[in-house]
N, C-alpha and C. Protein backbone atom coordinates (compact mmCIF):
# COMPACT_ATOMS: atom_id res chain seq x y z
N UNK A 1 34.97 19.18 -47.69
CA UNK A 1 34.69 19.58 -49.06
C UNK A 1 35.91 19.35 -49.92
N UNK A 2 35.70 18.96 -51.17
CA UNK A 2 36.79 18.76 -52.11
C UNK A 2 37.51 20.07 -52.38
N UNK A 3 38.75 19.94 -52.82
CA UNK A 3 39.50 21.13 -53.22
C UNK A 3 38.87 21.71 -54.46
N UNK A 4 38.64 22.98 -54.45
CA UNK A 4 38.04 23.67 -55.60
C UNK A 4 39.08 24.62 -56.19
N UNK A 5 39.04 24.80 -57.48
CA UNK A 5 39.95 25.71 -58.18
C UNK A 5 39.14 26.86 -58.75
N UNK A 6 39.68 28.04 -58.57
CA UNK A 6 39.00 29.22 -59.08
C UNK A 6 39.25 29.34 -60.58
N UNK A 7 38.16 29.52 -61.29
CA UNK A 7 38.21 29.74 -62.73
C UNK A 7 37.26 30.88 -63.05
N UNK A 8 37.71 31.78 -63.87
CA UNK A 8 36.85 32.88 -64.25
C UNK A 8 36.39 32.69 -65.69
N UNK A 9 35.12 32.96 -65.91
CA UNK A 9 34.58 32.94 -67.26
C UNK A 9 33.79 34.22 -67.48
N UNK A 10 33.71 34.62 -68.70
CA UNK A 10 32.93 35.80 -69.04
C UNK A 10 31.66 35.32 -69.73
N UNK A 11 30.53 35.76 -69.20
CA UNK A 11 29.23 35.37 -69.75
C UNK A 11 28.56 36.58 -70.37
N UNK A 12 27.73 36.28 -71.34
CA UNK A 12 26.89 37.34 -71.89
C UNK A 12 25.83 37.68 -70.84
N UNK A 13 25.33 38.93 -70.86
CA UNK A 13 24.35 39.33 -69.84
C UNK A 13 23.14 38.40 -69.77
N UNK A 14 22.62 37.98 -70.91
CA UNK A 14 21.45 37.09 -70.91
C UNK A 14 21.77 35.73 -70.30
N UNK A 15 22.99 35.23 -70.57
CA UNK A 15 23.40 33.94 -69.99
C UNK A 15 23.48 34.03 -68.47
N UNK A 16 24.10 35.11 -67.99
CA UNK A 16 24.24 35.28 -66.54
C UNK A 16 22.88 35.41 -65.87
N UNK A 17 22.01 36.18 -66.48
CA UNK A 17 20.67 36.37 -65.92
C UNK A 17 19.93 35.04 -65.83
N UNK A 18 20.00 34.27 -66.90
CA UNK A 18 19.30 32.98 -66.93
C UNK A 18 19.89 32.01 -65.91
N UNK A 19 21.21 31.99 -65.77
CA UNK A 19 21.85 31.11 -64.78
C UNK A 19 21.44 31.50 -63.36
N UNK A 20 21.36 32.81 -63.09
CA UNK A 20 20.93 33.26 -61.76
C UNK A 20 19.49 32.82 -61.49
N UNK A 21 18.64 32.89 -62.50
CA UNK A 21 17.24 32.47 -62.34
C UNK A 21 17.16 30.97 -62.04
N UNK A 22 17.90 30.19 -62.80
CA UNK A 22 17.88 28.74 -62.61
C UNK A 22 18.44 28.37 -61.24
N UNK A 23 19.54 29.02 -60.86
CA UNK A 23 20.14 28.76 -59.54
C UNK A 23 19.15 29.09 -58.43
N UNK A 24 18.44 30.18 -58.57
CA UNK A 24 17.46 30.56 -57.55
C UNK A 24 16.35 29.52 -57.45
N UNK A 25 15.85 29.07 -58.60
CA UNK A 25 14.79 28.05 -58.62
C UNK A 25 15.28 26.76 -57.98
N UNK A 26 16.51 26.38 -58.28
CA UNK A 26 17.06 25.12 -57.75
C UNK A 26 17.61 25.26 -56.34
N UNK A 27 17.67 26.47 -55.83
CA UNK A 27 18.14 26.69 -54.46
C UNK A 27 19.63 26.48 -54.29
N UNK A 28 20.38 26.91 -55.28
CA UNK A 28 21.83 26.77 -55.18
C UNK A 28 22.47 28.05 -55.72
N UNK A 29 23.79 28.11 -55.61
CA UNK A 29 24.50 29.27 -56.14
C UNK A 29 24.78 29.06 -57.62
N UNK A 30 25.12 30.15 -58.29
CA UNK A 30 25.50 30.05 -59.70
C UNK A 30 26.73 29.17 -59.82
N UNK A 31 27.65 29.27 -58.88
CA UNK A 31 28.86 28.44 -58.91
C UNK A 31 28.51 26.96 -58.83
N UNK A 32 27.62 26.60 -57.92
CA UNK A 32 27.20 25.20 -57.79
C UNK A 32 26.53 24.73 -59.09
N UNK A 33 25.70 25.58 -59.64
CA UNK A 33 25.01 25.24 -60.89
C UNK A 33 26.03 25.03 -62.00
N UNK A 34 27.02 25.91 -62.09
CA UNK A 34 28.05 25.79 -63.12
C UNK A 34 28.87 24.51 -62.93
N UNK A 35 29.21 24.19 -61.67
CA UNK A 35 29.96 22.95 -61.41
C UNK A 35 29.16 21.74 -61.86
N UNK A 36 27.86 21.75 -61.57
CA UNK A 36 26.99 20.64 -61.99
C UNK A 36 26.94 20.54 -63.52
N UNK A 37 26.84 21.69 -64.17
CA UNK A 37 26.80 21.70 -65.64
C UNK A 37 28.10 21.16 -66.22
N UNK A 38 29.23 21.58 -65.65
CA UNK A 38 30.53 21.11 -66.13
C UNK A 38 30.65 19.61 -65.88
N UNK A 39 30.24 19.15 -64.69
CA UNK A 39 30.29 17.72 -64.36
C UNK A 39 29.47 16.91 -65.38
N UNK A 40 28.25 17.37 -65.64
CA UNK A 40 27.38 16.67 -66.60
C UNK A 40 28.00 16.66 -68.00
N UNK A 41 28.56 17.78 -68.40
CA UNK A 41 29.20 17.87 -69.72
C UNK A 41 30.37 16.90 -69.81
N UNK A 42 31.21 16.87 -68.78
CA UNK A 42 32.37 15.99 -68.80
C UNK A 42 31.96 14.52 -68.81
N UNK A 43 30.92 14.17 -68.07
CA UNK A 43 30.42 12.79 -68.08
C UNK A 43 29.90 12.43 -69.47
N UNK A 44 29.20 13.35 -70.10
CA UNK A 44 28.69 13.11 -71.45
C UNK A 44 29.84 12.92 -72.44
N UNK A 45 30.87 13.74 -72.30
CA UNK A 45 32.03 13.62 -73.17
C UNK A 45 32.72 12.27 -72.97
N UNK A 46 32.82 11.83 -71.73
CA UNK A 46 33.45 10.54 -71.44
C UNK A 46 32.63 9.41 -72.05
N UNK A 47 31.30 9.49 -71.96
CA UNK A 47 30.44 8.47 -72.58
C UNK A 47 30.63 8.47 -74.09
N UNK A 48 30.70 9.66 -74.67
CA UNK A 48 30.89 9.76 -76.12
C UNK A 48 32.23 9.18 -76.55
N UNK A 49 33.28 9.47 -75.77
CA UNK A 49 34.61 8.95 -76.11
C UNK A 49 34.62 7.42 -75.96
N UNK A 50 33.98 6.90 -74.92
CA UNK A 50 33.92 5.45 -74.73
C UNK A 50 33.17 4.81 -75.90
N UNK A 51 32.09 5.45 -76.31
CA UNK A 51 31.31 4.95 -77.45
C UNK A 51 32.17 4.94 -78.71
N UNK A 52 32.94 5.98 -78.92
CA UNK A 52 33.82 6.06 -80.09
C UNK A 52 34.89 4.96 -80.05
N UNK A 53 35.45 4.71 -78.85
CA UNK A 53 36.44 3.64 -78.73
C UNK A 53 35.81 2.29 -79.04
N UNK A 54 34.58 2.07 -78.56
CA UNK A 54 33.89 0.81 -78.84
C UNK A 54 33.59 0.66 -80.33
N UNK A 55 33.16 1.74 -80.97
CA UNK A 55 32.89 1.69 -82.41
C UNK A 55 34.16 1.42 -83.21
N UNK A 56 35.26 2.01 -82.78
CA UNK A 56 36.54 1.77 -83.46
C UNK A 56 36.96 0.31 -83.28
N UNK A 57 36.75 -0.24 -82.09
CA UNK A 57 37.08 -1.64 -81.85
C UNK A 57 36.23 -2.55 -82.72
N UNK A 58 34.94 -2.24 -82.84
CA UNK A 58 34.06 -3.03 -83.69
C UNK A 58 34.48 -2.95 -85.15
N UNK A 59 34.86 -1.77 -85.59
CA UNK A 59 35.31 -1.61 -86.97
C UNK A 59 36.57 -2.45 -87.21
N UNK A 60 37.46 -2.48 -86.22
CA UNK A 60 38.68 -3.28 -86.33
C UNK A 60 38.33 -4.77 -86.41
N UNK A 61 37.35 -5.20 -85.61
CA UNK A 61 36.92 -6.60 -85.66
C UNK A 61 36.33 -6.96 -87.02
N UNK A 62 35.56 -6.05 -87.58
CA UNK A 62 34.98 -6.29 -88.91
C UNK A 62 36.10 -6.40 -89.94
N UNK A 63 37.11 -5.56 -89.85
CA UNK A 63 38.25 -5.63 -90.76
C UNK A 63 38.95 -6.99 -90.63
N UNK A 64 39.14 -7.43 -89.38
CA UNK A 64 39.79 -8.72 -89.15
C UNK A 64 38.93 -9.86 -89.71
N UNK A 65 37.63 -9.76 -89.50
CA UNK A 65 36.71 -10.79 -90.01
C UNK A 65 36.80 -10.85 -91.54
N UNK A 66 36.78 -9.72 -92.19
CA UNK A 66 36.87 -9.68 -93.65
C UNK A 66 38.21 -10.23 -94.14
N UNK A 67 39.28 -9.90 -93.44
CA UNK A 67 40.60 -10.42 -93.80
C UNK A 67 40.64 -11.94 -93.67
N UNK A 68 40.07 -12.46 -92.58
CA UNK A 68 40.02 -13.92 -92.40
C UNK A 68 39.19 -14.59 -93.49
N UNK A 69 38.08 -13.96 -93.87
CA UNK A 69 37.25 -14.51 -94.96
C UNK A 69 38.04 -14.56 -96.26
N UNK A 70 38.80 -13.49 -96.54
CA UNK A 70 39.60 -13.44 -97.76
C UNK A 70 40.68 -14.52 -97.76
N UNK A 71 41.34 -14.68 -96.64
CA UNK A 71 42.45 -15.64 -96.55
C UNK A 71 41.99 -17.08 -96.50
N UNK A 72 40.91 -17.35 -95.76
CA UNK A 72 40.54 -18.73 -95.47
C UNK A 72 39.16 -19.12 -95.98
N UNK A 73 38.40 -18.19 -96.48
CA UNK A 73 37.05 -18.49 -96.93
C UNK A 73 36.08 -18.58 -95.75
N UNK A 74 34.88 -19.03 -96.08
CA UNK A 74 33.83 -19.13 -95.06
C UNK A 74 33.41 -20.58 -94.95
N UNK A 75 33.31 -21.08 -93.73
CA UNK A 75 32.87 -22.45 -93.50
C UNK A 75 31.37 -22.50 -93.78
N UNK A 76 30.98 -23.30 -94.74
CA UNK A 76 29.61 -23.28 -95.24
C UNK A 76 28.65 -24.14 -94.43
N UNK A 77 29.15 -25.06 -93.68
CA UNK A 77 28.25 -25.97 -92.96
C UNK A 77 27.97 -25.44 -91.56
N UNK A 78 27.09 -26.14 -90.84
CA UNK A 78 26.69 -25.74 -89.49
C UNK A 78 27.65 -26.35 -88.47
N UNK A 79 28.64 -25.58 -88.06
CA UNK A 79 29.68 -26.07 -87.17
C UNK A 79 29.12 -26.52 -85.83
N UNK A 80 28.19 -25.79 -85.28
CA UNK A 80 27.62 -26.14 -83.97
C UNK A 80 26.89 -27.48 -84.06
N UNK A 81 26.11 -27.66 -85.11
CA UNK A 81 25.39 -28.94 -85.26
C UNK A 81 26.39 -30.08 -85.41
N UNK A 82 27.46 -29.85 -86.15
CA UNK A 82 28.47 -30.89 -86.32
C UNK A 82 29.13 -31.24 -84.99
N UNK A 83 29.43 -30.22 -84.19
CA UNK A 83 30.04 -30.46 -82.88
C UNK A 83 29.09 -31.20 -81.96
N UNK A 84 27.82 -30.86 -82.00
CA UNK A 84 26.82 -31.56 -81.18
C UNK A 84 26.73 -33.03 -81.59
N UNK A 85 26.68 -33.28 -82.90
CA UNK A 85 26.62 -34.66 -83.39
C UNK A 85 27.85 -35.44 -82.93
N UNK A 86 29.01 -34.80 -83.03
CA UNK A 86 30.25 -35.45 -82.61
C UNK A 86 30.21 -35.76 -81.12
N UNK A 87 29.75 -34.82 -80.31
CA UNK A 87 29.64 -35.03 -78.87
C UNK A 87 28.66 -36.16 -78.56
N UNK A 88 27.52 -36.16 -79.25
CA UNK A 88 26.53 -37.22 -79.03
C UNK A 88 27.09 -38.58 -79.39
N UNK A 89 27.83 -38.67 -80.50
CA UNK A 89 28.44 -39.93 -80.90
C UNK A 89 29.44 -40.41 -79.85
N UNK A 90 30.26 -39.49 -79.36
CA UNK A 90 31.24 -39.85 -78.33
C UNK A 90 30.55 -40.30 -77.06
N UNK A 91 29.49 -39.60 -76.67
CA UNK A 91 28.74 -39.98 -75.46
C UNK A 91 28.13 -41.37 -75.63
N UNK A 92 27.59 -41.62 -76.80
CA UNK A 92 26.98 -42.91 -77.07
C UNK A 92 28.03 -44.02 -77.02
N UNK A 93 29.21 -43.77 -77.56
CA UNK A 93 30.29 -44.76 -77.53
C UNK A 93 30.70 -45.06 -76.10
N UNK A 94 30.81 -44.01 -75.28
CA UNK A 94 31.17 -44.20 -73.87
C UNK A 94 30.07 -44.99 -73.17
N UNK A 95 28.84 -44.66 -73.45
CA UNK A 95 27.70 -45.34 -72.83
C UNK A 95 27.72 -46.83 -73.16
N UNK A 96 27.90 -47.16 -74.44
CA UNK A 96 27.85 -48.55 -74.85
C UNK A 96 29.09 -49.31 -74.40
N UNK A 97 30.23 -48.62 -74.25
CA UNK A 97 31.44 -49.32 -73.80
C UNK A 97 31.34 -49.69 -72.32
N UNK A 98 30.54 -48.97 -71.55
CA UNK A 98 30.37 -49.25 -70.12
C UNK A 98 29.32 -50.32 -69.90
N UNK A 99 28.48 -50.55 -70.90
CA UNK A 99 27.39 -51.53 -70.73
C UNK A 99 27.88 -52.94 -70.82
C-alpha cells in the first residue's frame, strides 16, 4: 500500500452523515471515499490548469499572428496552389529532360 498521510478535517454533521451513507452504499470506508474525492478533484484541477495553459498559448499565437500581419501584411494569393503549380512545372521539366 502507498504511504498515507493523516489529515484531519472538520465536517458539518449533515456532510458526515451523507458521506457515511455513500461509503456504505459503495462498500468502502469514509476515508477511502474522501481519498477518491480528493483524487478526482485534483485530476479535475490539473485538467483545468492544462486547459488554461493551452488557452494562454493560443492567445499568444493569436498575438504573434496579428503582429506579423501588422509588420508584413497578408499574402493575398493561394500559396498552396502556387507551390503545387511550381512543383508540377519542375516535375514536367524533369520528365521532358529525361525523354
